[in-house]
Amino acid sequence: MSYSTELVELAIAGDKLAFEQLLKIESKKLYKIAYLHMRHKEDALDVLQEATYKAYISIHQLKSPVYFSTWLVKILIRTAYKELEQKKKVIQLPEETIVGLLELNKVEDPSIDLSEALSSLDNDYRNVLTLFYYYDLPIRTIATLLGKPQPTIKTYLRRAKLKLRKTLGDDYYAKRLT
């Protein structure tokens, strides 16, 4: 389900119902991203609620209605990072994400646990891999969401794949991840 820029413009103008409708449209995606970062349902819901509040009070700052979704996700990710910093948690992929990745790549019996390999990566590398492969986001969007230049995102992606290849072994990587 998508929305029109007119709906976003109404929300920017202060229409609470329009903002609520936009959140309903984006809710599944936002929850998945929050859960991806927080790893627990309750923490994900807390972060989602905080990000929603931040978006609501600052929607008038949104310069272009076309970028509403990107703007909202950026707020969510920054809120999750702040919460994780406060709790000093480690970001890990949820088990269902790993199962989904394994199913996508038709991995039936991995010799090395993929979740372990992914959790060994730096947060930046893990986030870029997840957003690029799991959410199928283009590099330009990932750069915007993470507040980093596109060449940096490309470097993170390349380095993350090299580290996975080293951790998982060339045979595993060539068969399963390329």
C-alpha atoms as a PDB file:
ATOM      1  CA  MET A   1       0.000   0.000   0.000  1.00  0.00           C
ATOM      2  CA  SER A   2       1.362   3.401  -0.844  1.00  0.00           C
ATOM      3  CA  TYR A   3       0.330   6.951  -0.188  1.00  0.00           C
ATOM      4  CA  SER A   4       0.152  10.185  -2.077  1.00  0.00           C
ATOM      5  CA  THR A   5       2.243  13.269  -1.513  1.00  0.00           C
ATOM      6  CA  GLU A   6      -1.027  15.088  -0.786  1.00  0.00           C
ATOM      7  CA  LEU A   7      -1.498  12.931   2.310  1.00  0.00           C
ATOM      8  CA  VAL A   8       2.019  13.826   3.469  1.00  0.00           C
ATOM      9  CA  GLU A   9       1.339  17.506   2.781  1.00  0.00           C
ATOM     10  CA  LEU A  10      -1.794  17.296   4.929  1.00  0.00           C
ATOM     11  CA  ALA A  11       0.249  15.750   7.743  1.00  0.00           C
ATOM     12  CA  ILE A  12       2.875  18.484   7.408  1.00  0.00           C
ATOM     13  CA  ALA A  13       0.075  21.053   7.645  1.00  0.00           C
ATOM     14  CA  GLY A  14      -0.959  19.536  10.989  1.00  0.00           C
ATOM     15  CA  ASP A  15      -3.643  17.008  10.025  1.00  0.00           C
ATOM     16  CA  LYS A  16      -3.411  14.359  12.766  1.00  0.00           C
ATOM     17  CA  LEU A  17      -5.551  11.849  10.868  1.00  0.00           C
ATOM     18  CA  ALA A  18      -3.319  12.117   7.797  1.00  0.00           C
ATOM     19  CA  PHE A  19      -0.236  11.479   9.959  1.00  0.00           C
ATOM     20  CA  GLU A  20      -1.949   8.506  11.591  1.00  0.00           C
ATOM     21  CA  GLN A  21      -2.864   7.083   8.181  1.00  0.00           C
ATOM     22  CA  LEU A  22       0.748   7.460   6.996  1.00  0.00           C
ATOM     23  CA  LEU A  23       1.954   5.591  10.076  1.00  0.00           C
ATOM     24  CA  LYS A  24      -0.508   2.774   9.447  1.00  0.00           C
ATOM     25  CA  ILE A  25       0.822   2.432   5.907  1.00  0.00           C
ATOM     26  CA  GLU A  26       4.449   2.376   7.097  1.00  0.00           C
ATOM     27  CA  SER A  27       3.874   0.377  10.305  1.00  0.00           C
ATOM     28  CA  LYS A  28       4.986  -3.104   9.181  1.00  0.00           C
ATOM     29  CA  LYS A  29       8.204  -1.840   7.630  1.00  0.00           C
ATOM     30  CA  LEU A  30       8.964   0.345  10.647  1.00  0.00           C
ATOM     31  CA  TYR A  31       8.372  -2.478  13.097  1.00  0.00           C
ATOM     32  CA  LYS A  32      10.652  -4.833  11.147  1.00  0.00           C
ATOM     33  CA  ILE A  33      13.437  -2.268  11.127  1.00  0.00           C
ATOM     34  CA  ALA A  34      12.984  -1.532  14.837  1.00  0.00           C
ATOM     35  CA  TYR A  35      12.985  -5.244  15.660  1.00  0.00           C
ATOM     36  CA  LEU A  36      16.051  -5.787  13.496  1.00  0.00           C
ATOM     37  CA  HIS A  37      17.957  -3.317  15.633  1.00  0.00           C
ATOM     38  CA  MET A  38      16.521  -4.029  19.070  1.00  0.00           C
ATOM     39  CA  ARG A  39      16.074  -7.835  18.923  1.00  0.00           C
ATOM     40  CA  HIS A  40      13.182  -7.785  21.400  1.00  0.00           C
ATOM     41  CA  LYS A  41       9.534  -7.057  20.744  1.00  0.00           C
ATOM     42  CA  GLU A  42       9.113  -4.714  23.697  1.00  0.00           C
ATOM     43  CA  ASP A  43      12.285  -2.744  22.914  1.00  0.00           C
ATOM     44  CA  ALA A  44      11.289  -2.492  19.253  1.00  0.00           C
ATOM     45  CA  LEU A  45       7.853  -1.166  20.201  1.00  0.00           C
ATOM     46  CA  ASP A  46       9.404   1.369  22.590  1.00  0.00           C
ATOM     47  CA  VAL A  47      11.769   2.620  19.905  1.00  0.00           C
ATOM     48  CA  LEU A  48       8.934   2.726  17.378  1.00  0.00           C
ATOM     49  CA  GLN A  49       6.797   4.762  19.762  1.00  0.00           C
ATOM     50  CA  GLU A  50       9.642   7.193  20.486  1.00  0.00           C
ATOM     51  CA  ALA A  51      10.457   7.587  16.777  1.00  0.00           C
ATOM     52  CA  THR A  52       6.778   8.154  15.980  1.00  0.00           C
ATOM     53  CA  TYR A  53       6.608  10.891  18.585  1.00  0.00           C
ATOM     54  CA  LYS A  54       9.776  12.532  17.254  1.00  0.00           C
ATOM     55  CA  ALA A  55       8.400  12.387  13.711  1.00  0.00           C
ATOM     56  CA  TYR A  56       5.057  13.835  14.781  1.00  0.00           C
ATOM     57  CA  ILE A  57       6.555  16.845  16.545  1.00  0.00           C
ATOM     58  CA  SER A  58       9.023  17.543  13.728  1.00  0.00           C
ATOM     59  CA  ILE A  59       7.009  16.723  10.596  1.00  0.00           C
ATOM     60  CA  HIS A  60       6.819  20.404   9.740  1.00  0.00           C
ATOM     61  CA  GLN A  61      10.590  20.225   9.120  1.00  0.00           C
ATOM     62  CA  LEU A  62      10.171  17.693   6.291  1.00  0.00           C
ATOM     63  CA  LYS A  63      11.225  19.569   3.179  1.00  0.00           C
ATOM     64  CA  SER A  64       9.874  17.231   0.497  1.00  0.00           C
ATOM     65  CA  PRO A  65       6.808  14.991   0.909  1.00  0.00           C
ATOM     66  CA  VAL A  66       8.329  12.510  -1.549  1.00  0.00           C
ATOM     67  CA  TYR A  67      10.953  11.569   1.053  1.00  0.00           C
ATOM     68  CA  PHE A  68       8.546  10.962   3.938  1.00  0.00           C
ATOM     69  CA  SER A  69       9.316   7.243   4.191  1.00  0.00           C
ATOM     70  CA  THR A  70      13.086   7.752   4.085  1.00  0.00           C
ATOM     71  CA  TRP A  71      12.833  10.580   6.618  1.00  0.00           C
ATOM     72  CA  LEU A  72      10.751   8.432   8.973  1.00  0.00           C
ATOM     73  CA  VAL A  73      13.099   5.438   8.726  1.00  0.00           C
ATOM     74  CA  LYS A  74      16.078   7.689   9.401  1.00  0.00           C
ATOM     75  CA  ILE A  75      14.417   8.954  12.593  1.00  0.00           C
ATOM     76  CA  LEU A  76      13.669   5.365  13.607  1.00  0.00           C
ATOM     77  CA  ILE A  77      17.234   4.163  13.054  1.00  0.00           C
ATOM     78  CA  ARG A  78      18.724   7.102  14.928  1.00  0.00           C
ATOM     79  CA  THR A  79      16.311   6.504  17.802  1.00  0.00           C
ATOM     80  CA  ALA A  80      17.283   2.819  17.887  1.00  0.00           C
ATOM     81  CA  TYR A  81      20.991   3.694  17.898  1.00  0.00           C
ATOM     82  CA  LYS A  82      20.467   6.121  20.771  1.00  0.00           C
ATOM     83  CA  GLU A  83      18.528   3.537  22.754  1.00  0.00           C
ATOM     84  CA  LEU A  84      21.158   0.877  22.109  1.00  0.00           C
ATOM     85  CA  GLU A  85      23.892   3.257  23.192  1.00  0.00           C
ATOM     86  CA  GLN A  86      22.056   3.903  26.431  1.00  0.00           C
ATOM     87  CA  LYS A  87      21.523   0.218  27.071  1.00  0.00           C
ATOM     88  CA  LYS A  88      24.910  -0.764  25.626  1.00  0.00           C
ATOM     89  CA  LYS A  89      23.311  -3.602  23.718  1.00  0.00           C
ATOM     90  CA  VAL A  90      24.794  -5.372  20.743  1.00  0.00           C
ATOM     91  CA  ILE A  91      22.787  -5.211  17.527  1.00  0.00           C
ATOM     92  CA  GLN A  92      22.099  -8.668  16.147  1.00  0.00           C
ATOM     93  CA  LEU A  93      19.869  -9.946  13.422  1.00  0.00           C
ATOM     94  CA  PRO A  94      16.693 -11.624  14.622  1.00  0.00           C
ATOM     95  CA  GLU A  95      16.514 -15.374  14.149  1.00  0.00           C
ATOM     96  CA  GLU A  96      13.611 -15.040  11.695  1.00  0.00           C
ATOM     97  CA  THR A  97      15.781 -12.814   9.491  1.00  0.00           C
ATOM     98  CA  ILE A  98      18.521 -15.407   9.441  1.00  0.00           C
ATOM     99  CA  VAL A  99      16.040 -18.161   8.673  1.00  0.00           C
ATOM    100  CA  GLY A 100      14.684 -15.993   5.837  1.00  0.00           C
ATOM    101  CA  LEU A 101      18.174 -15.412   4.467  1.00  0.00           C
ATOM    102  CA  LEU A 102      18.914 -19.118   4.623  1.00  0.00           C
ATOM    103  CA  GLU A 103      15.662 -19.921   2.820  1.00  0.00           C
ATOM    104  CA  LEU A 104      16.320 -17.296   0.169  1.00  0.00           C
ATOM    105  CA  ASN A 105      19.700 -18.821  -0.524  1.00  0.00           C
ATOM    106  CA  LYS A 106      18.353 -22.380  -0.144  1.00  0.00           C
ATOM    107  CA  VAL A 107      20.926 -23.213   2.475  1.00  0.00           C
ATOM    108  CA  GLU A 108      19.887 -26.486   4.020  1.00  0.00           C
ATOM    109  CA  ASP A 109      22.810 -27.366   6.252  1.00  0.00           C
ATOM    110  CA  PRO A 110      25.294 -24.549   6.703  1.00  0.00           C
ATOM    111  CA  SER A 111      28.576 -25.768   8.165  1.00  0.00           C
ATOM    112  CA  ILE A 112      29.078 -22.447   9.960  1.00  0.00           C
ATOM    113  CA  ASP A 113      26.250 -20.619  11.659  1.00  0.00           C
ATOM    114  CA  LEU A 114      25.386 -17.612   9.493  1.00  0.00           C
ATOM    115  CA  SER A 115      24.002 -15.676  12.447  1.00  0.00           C
ATOM    116  CA  GLU A 116      27.320 -16.099  14.231  1.00  0.00           C
ATOM    117  CA  ALA A 117      29.202 -14.855  11.168  1.00  0.00           C
ATOM    118  CA  LEU A 118      26.907 -11.845  10.824  1.00  0.00           C
ATOM    119  CA  SER A 119      27.107 -11.015  14.523  1.00  0.00           C
ATOM    120  CA  SER A 120      30.894 -10.948  14.282  1.00  0.00           C
ATOM    121  CA  LEU A 121      30.693  -7.998  11.874  1.00  0.00           C
ATOM    122  CA  ASP A 122      30.893  -4.364  12.959  1.00  0.00           C
ATOM    123  CA  ASN A 123      27.491  -2.706  13.417  1.00  0.00           C
ATOM    124  CA  ASP A 124      27.980  -0.522  10.332  1.00  0.00           C
ATOM    125  CA  TYR A 125      28.830  -3.516   8.144  1.00  0.00           C
ATOM    126  CA  ARG A 126      25.957  -5.615   9.501  1.00  0.00           C
ATOM    127  CA  ASN A 127      23.452  -2.771   9.017  1.00  0.00           C
ATOM    128  CA  VAL A 128      24.571  -2.105   5.446  1.00  0.00           C
ATOM    129  CA  LEU A 129      24.387  -5.809   4.538  1.00  0.00           C
ATOM    130  CA  THR A 130      20.951  -6.134   6.092  1.00  0.00           C
ATOM    131  CA  LEU A 131      19.518  -3.027   4.455  1.00  0.00           C
ATOM    132  CA  PHE A 132      21.024  -3.913   1.070  1.00  0.00           C
ATOM    133  CA  TYR A 133      20.213  -7.636   0.899  1.00  0.00           C
ATOM    134  CA  TYR A 134      17.314  -8.158   3.297  1.00  0.00           C
ATOM    135  CA  TYR A 135      15.389  -4.942   2.648  1.00  0.00           C
ATOM    136  CA  ASP A 136      16.629  -4.629  -0.939  1.00  0.00           C
ATOM    137  CA  LEU A 137      17.354  -0.914  -0.520  1.00  0.00           C
ATOM    138  CA  PRO A 138      19.554   0.896  -3.042  1.00  0.00           C
ATOM    139  CA  ILE A 139      22.901   2.281  -1.900  1.00  0.00           C
ATOM    140  CA  ARG A 140      21.618   5.859  -2.263  1.00  0.00           C
ATOM    141  CA  THR A 141      18.797   5.194   0.205  1.00  0.00           C
ATOM    142  CA  ILE A 142      21.074   3.372   2.650  1.00  0.00           C
ATOM    143  CA  ALA A 143      23.466   6.328   2.556  1.00  0.00           C
ATOM    144  CA  THR A 144      20.599   8.687   3.349  1.00  0.00           C
ATOM    145  CA  LEU A 145      19.269   6.483   6.163  1.00  0.00           C
ATOM    146  CA  LEU A 146      22.649   6.075   7.814  1.00  0.00           C
ATOM    147  CA  GLY A 147      23.799   9.623   7.156  1.00  0.00           C
ATOM    148  CA  LYS A 148      26.933   8.550   5.319  1.00  0.00           C
ATOM    149  CA  PRO A 149      28.228   9.220   1.781  1.00  0.00           C
ATOM    150  CA  GLN A 150      27.450   6.652  -0.927  1.00  0.00           C
ATOM    151  CA  PRO A 151      31.127   5.703  -1.419  1.00  0.00           C
ATOM    152  CA  THR A 152      31.344   4.891   2.303  1.00  0.00           C
ATOM    153  CA  ILE A 153      28.304   2.605   2.024  1.00  0.00           C
ATOM    154  CA  LYS A 154      29.889   0.857  -0.979  1.00  0.00           C
ATOM    155  CA  THR A 155      33.092   0.397   1.003  1.00  0.00           C
ATOM    156  CA  TYR A 156      31.182  -0.999   3.999  1.00  0.00           C
ATOM    157  CA  LEU A 157      29.321  -3.399   1.723  1.00  0.00           C
ATOM    158  CA  ARG A 158      32.543  -4.599   0.049  1.00  0.00           C
ATOM    159  CA  ARG A 159      34.380  -5.002   3.363  1.00  0.00           C
ATOM    160  CA  ALA A 160      31.439  -6.786   4.990  1.00  0.00           C
ATOM    161  CA  LYS A 161      31.261  -9.287   2.131  1.00  0.00           C
ATOM    162  CA  LEU A 162      35.030  -9.865   2.351  1.00  0.00           C
ATOM    163  CA  LYS A 163      34.793 -10.476   6.102  1.00  0.00           C
ATOM    164  CA  LEU A 164      31.878 -12.887   5.603  1.00  0.00           C
ATOM    165  CA  ARG A 165      33.852 -14.694   2.919  1.00  0.00           C
ATOM    166  CA  LYS A 166      36.805 -15.005   5.301  1.00  0.00           C
ATOM    167  CA  THR A 167      34.594 -16.206   8.165  1.00  0.00           C
ATOM    168  CA  LEU A 168      32.441 -18.601   6.141  1.00  0.00           C
ATOM    169  CA  GLY A 169      35.098 -19.813   3.706  1.00  0.00           C
ATOM    170  CA  ASP A 170      35.280 -19.349  -0.040  1.00  0.00           C
ATOM    171  CA  ASP A 171      33.306 -22.506  -0.877  1.00  0.00           C
ATOM    172  CA  TYR A 172      30.394 -21.597   1.375  1.00  0.00           C
ATOM    173  CA  TYR A 173      30.368 -17.995   0.215  1.00  0.00           C
ATOM    174  CA  ALA A 174      30.533 -18.846  -3.498  1.00  0.00           C
ATOM    175  CA  LYS A 175      27.679 -21.362  -3.272  1.00  0.00           C
ATOM    176  CA  ARG A 176      25.401 -19.563  -0.854  1.00  0.00           C
ATOM    177  CA  LEU A 177      25.864 -15.812  -0.836  1.00  0.00           C
ATOM    178  CA  THR A 178      26.708 -14.663  -4.357  1.00  0.00           C
END
